[in-house]
Amino acid sequence: MADKPYNSKEEFDRSVSYGVSFDNVNLRTVSFWLILGTLIVTIILYGIYNMYAYNQFLSSERAAINVEFYELKERREQENRKLNTIELIDEEEGRYRIPIDSAMSLIATDSK
């Protein structure tokens, strides 16, 4: 704006009284861009926050699923051990746990 020549002596005198060249700032345009810029930054920050919150949700969901599967796997291993091993249950009564295949074979041969 400093390269622009003055149109009149009054404009020159007015600029000298301000100490610099007088700028006719359009406050509507400045306000519009300020509000638009603030709105865009707010939308971007809101989107980043939502992506972060969604990522946290997915991480916690994955962690919960992994814990659930670990407990389920552990439970299945215990049940398989009970079904497929020989174990003393009560020594006084003479009760034993035998593998399920052996129990089915004994029941099949006893029923004949």
C-alpha atoms as a PDB file:
ATOM      1  CA  MET A   1       0.000   0.000   0.000  1.00  0.00           C
ATOM      2  CA  ALA A   2       2.970   2.333   0.471  1.00  0.00           C
ATOM      3  CA  ASP A   3       3.679   2.311  -3.263  1.00  0.00           C
ATOM      4  CA  LYS A   4       0.224   3.674  -4.061  1.00  0.00           C
ATOM      5  CA  PRO A   5       0.269   7.395  -4.797  1.00  0.00           C
ATOM      6  CA  TYR A   6      -2.038   9.680  -2.859  1.00  0.00           C
ATOM      7  CA  ASN A   7      -5.064  10.942  -4.718  1.00  0.00           C
ATOM      8  CA  SER A   8      -5.254  14.264  -2.913  1.00  0.00           C
ATOM      9  CA  LYS A   9      -3.416  16.552  -0.526  1.00  0.00           C
ATOM     10  CA  GLU A  10      -6.071  15.911   2.132  1.00  0.00           C
ATOM     11  CA  GLU A  11      -5.435  12.186   1.959  1.00  0.00           C
ATOM     12  CA  PHE A  12      -1.707  12.847   2.287  1.00  0.00           C
ATOM     13  CA  ASP A  13      -2.254  15.158   5.279  1.00  0.00           C
ATOM     14  CA  ARG A  14      -4.555  12.633   6.953  1.00  0.00           C
ATOM     15  CA  SER A  15      -1.941   9.881   6.496  1.00  0.00           C
ATOM     16  CA  VAL A  16       0.769  12.085   7.962  1.00  0.00           C
ATOM     17  CA  SER A  17      -1.427  12.811  11.003  1.00  0.00           C
ATOM     18  CA  TYR A  18      -1.760   9.055  11.626  1.00  0.00           C
ATOM     19  CA  GLY A  19       1.993   8.684  11.250  1.00  0.00           C
ATOM     20  CA  VAL A  20       1.598   6.072   8.520  1.00  0.00           C
ATOM     21  CA  SER A  21      -0.462   5.531   5.445  1.00  0.00           C
ATOM     22  CA  PHE A  22      -4.120   5.356   6.330  1.00  0.00           C
ATOM     23  CA  ASP A  23      -5.710   2.004   5.512  1.00  0.00           C
ATOM     24  CA  ASN A  24      -9.383   1.652   5.026  1.00  0.00           C
ATOM     25  CA  VAL A  25      -9.827  -1.727   6.688  1.00  0.00           C
ATOM     26  CA  ASN A  26     -13.058  -3.435   5.828  1.00  0.00           C
ATOM     27  CA  LEU A  27     -14.113  -4.741   9.232  1.00  0.00           C
ATOM     28  CA  ARG A  28     -16.801  -6.966   7.725  1.00  0.00           C
ATOM     29  CA  THR A  29     -14.212  -8.816   5.645  1.00  0.00           C
ATOM     30  CA  VAL A  30     -11.796  -9.135   8.560  1.00  0.00           C
ATOM     31  CA  SER A  31     -14.593 -10.323  10.845  1.00  0.00           C
ATOM     32  CA  PHE A  32     -15.791 -12.828   8.237  1.00  0.00           C
ATOM     33  CA  TRP A  33     -12.334 -14.377   7.810  1.00  0.00           C
ATOM     34  CA  LEU A  34     -11.720 -14.377  11.559  1.00  0.00           C
ATOM     35  CA  ILE A  35     -14.988 -16.170  12.252  1.00  0.00           C
ATOM     36  CA  LEU A  36     -14.504 -18.575   9.322  1.00  0.00           C
ATOM     37  CA  GLY A  37     -10.941 -19.377  10.404  1.00  0.00           C
ATOM     38  CA  THR A  38     -12.036 -19.951  13.993  1.00  0.00           C
ATOM     39  CA  LEU A  39     -14.861 -22.185  12.813  1.00  0.00           C
ATOM     40  CA  ILE A  40     -12.550 -24.246  10.592  1.00  0.00           C
ATOM     41  CA  VAL A  41      -9.979 -24.673  13.386  1.00  0.00           C
ATOM     42  CA  THR A  42     -12.761 -25.683  15.802  1.00  0.00           C
ATOM     43  CA  ILE A  43     -14.109 -28.275  13.350  1.00  0.00           C
ATOM     44  CA  ILE A  44     -10.636 -29.696  12.775  1.00  0.00           C
ATOM     45  CA  LEU A  45      -9.952 -29.929  16.520  1.00  0.00           C
ATOM     46  CA  TYR A  46     -13.352 -31.558  17.086  1.00  0.00           C
ATOM     47  CA  GLY A  47     -12.587 -34.116  14.366  1.00  0.00           C
ATOM     48  CA  ILE A  48      -9.167 -34.878  15.848  1.00  0.00           C
ATOM     49  CA  TYR A  49     -10.701 -35.313  19.312  1.00  0.00           C
ATOM     50  CA  ASN A  50     -13.380 -37.667  17.943  1.00  0.00           C
ATOM     51  CA  MET A  51     -10.757 -39.726  16.100  1.00  0.00           C
ATOM     52  CA  TYR A  52      -8.757 -39.960  19.341  1.00  0.00           C
ATOM     53  CA  ALA A  53     -11.827 -40.973  21.362  1.00  0.00           C
ATOM     54  CA  TYR A  54     -12.811 -43.577  18.749  1.00  0.00           C
ATOM     55  CA  ASN A  55      -9.274 -44.984  18.713  1.00  0.00           C
ATOM     56  CA  GLN A  56      -9.326 -45.217  22.527  1.00  0.00           C
ATOM     57  CA  PHE A  57     -12.668 -47.028  22.333  1.00  0.00           C
ATOM     58  CA  LEU A  58     -11.320 -49.523  19.777  1.00  0.00           C
ATOM     59  CA  SER A  59      -8.197 -50.125  21.853  1.00  0.00           C
ATOM     60  CA  SER A  60     -10.174 -50.797  25.010  1.00  0.00           C
ATOM     61  CA  GLU A  61     -12.582 -53.039  23.082  1.00  0.00           C
ATOM     62  CA  ARG A  62      -9.681 -55.061  21.657  1.00  0.00           C
ATOM     63  CA  ALA A  63      -8.135 -55.368  25.114  1.00  0.00           C
ATOM     64  CA  ALA A  64     -11.444 -56.577  26.571  1.00  0.00           C
ATOM     65  CA  ILE A  65     -11.879 -59.136  23.790  1.00  0.00           C
ATOM     66  CA  ASN A  66      -8.334 -60.435  24.266  1.00  0.00           C
ATOM     67  CA  VAL A  67      -8.911 -60.858  28.004  1.00  0.00           C
ATOM     68  CA  GLU A  68     -12.209 -62.620  27.349  1.00  0.00           C
ATOM     69  CA  PHE A  69     -10.606 -64.994  24.849  1.00  0.00           C
ATOM     70  CA  TYR A  70      -7.742 -65.679  27.245  1.00  0.00           C
ATOM     71  CA  GLU A  71     -10.188 -66.602  30.014  1.00  0.00           C
ATOM     72  CA  LEU A  72     -12.228 -68.719  27.596  1.00  0.00           C
ATOM     73  CA  LYS A  73      -9.098 -70.487  26.368  1.00  0.00           C
ATOM     74  CA  GLU A  74      -8.003 -71.138  29.939  1.00  0.00           C
ATOM     75  CA  ARG A  75     -11.456 -72.494  30.836  1.00  0.00           C
ATOM     76  CA  ARG A  76     -11.475 -74.789  27.787  1.00  0.00           C
ATOM     77  CA  GLU A  77      -8.033 -76.135  28.683  1.00  0.00           C
ATOM     78  CA  GLN A  78      -9.263 -76.930  32.212  1.00  0.00           C
ATOM     79  CA  GLU A  79     -12.365 -78.672  30.835  1.00  0.00           C
ATOM     80  CA  ASN A  80     -10.307 -80.658  28.306  1.00  0.00           C
ATOM     81  CA  ARG A  81      -7.941 -81.691  31.080  1.00  0.00           C
ATOM     82  CA  LYS A  82     -10.896 -82.896  33.153  1.00  0.00           C
ATOM     83  CA  LEU A  83     -12.349 -84.830  30.204  1.00  0.00           C
ATOM     84  CA  ASN A  84      -9.098 -86.434  29.045  1.00  0.00           C
ATOM     85  CA  THR A  85      -7.020 -87.274  32.132  1.00  0.00           C
ATOM     86  CA  ILE A  86      -7.151 -89.818  34.914  1.00  0.00           C
ATOM     87  CA  GLU A  87      -7.474 -88.233  38.335  1.00  0.00           C
ATOM     88  CA  LEU A  88      -8.270 -89.357  41.867  1.00  0.00           C
ATOM     89  CA  ILE A  89     -11.453 -87.663  43.104  1.00  0.00           C
ATOM     90  CA  ASP A  90     -12.144 -89.387  46.450  1.00  0.00           C
ATOM     91  CA  GLU A  91      -9.721 -92.005  47.786  1.00  0.00           C
ATOM     92  CA  GLU A  92     -12.027 -93.261  50.572  1.00  0.00           C
ATOM     93  CA  GLU A  93     -14.889 -94.013  48.191  1.00  0.00           C
ATOM     94  CA  GLY A  94     -12.558 -95.136  45.407  1.00  0.00           C
ATOM     95  CA  ARG A  95     -13.821 -92.554  42.912  1.00  0.00           C
ATOM     96  CA  TYR A  96     -11.651 -91.692  39.947  1.00  0.00           C
ATOM     97  CA  ARG A  97     -12.039 -89.471  36.946  1.00  0.00           C
ATOM     98  CA  ILE A  98     -11.208 -91.256  33.699  1.00  0.00           C
ATOM     99  CA  PRO A  99     -11.023 -89.944  30.131  1.00  0.00           C
ATOM    100  CA  ILE A 100     -14.414 -89.616  28.468  1.00  0.00           C
ATOM    101  CA  ASP A 101     -13.480 -91.986  25.632  1.00  0.00           C
ATOM    102  CA  SER A 102     -12.571 -94.680  28.147  1.00  0.00           C
ATOM    103  CA  ALA A 103     -15.817 -94.085  30.065  1.00  0.00           C
ATOM    104  CA  MET A 104     -17.884 -94.400  26.871  1.00  0.00           C
ATOM    105  CA  SER A 105     -16.084 -97.656  25.978  1.00  0.00           C
ATOM    106  CA  LEU A 106     -16.696 -99.080  29.474  1.00  0.00           C
ATOM    107  CA  ILE A 107     -20.400 -98.163  29.332  1.00  0.00           C
ATOM    108  CA  ALA A 108     -20.717 -99.693  25.862  1.00  0.00           C
ATOM    109  CA  THR A 109     -19.065-102.958  26.927  1.00  0.00           C
ATOM    110  CA  ASP A 110     -21.039-103.143  30.210  1.00  0.00           C
ATOM    111  CA  SER A 111     -24.367-102.740  28.450  1.00  0.00           C
ATOM    112  CA  LYS A 112     -23.787-105.757  26.158  1.00  0.00           C
END
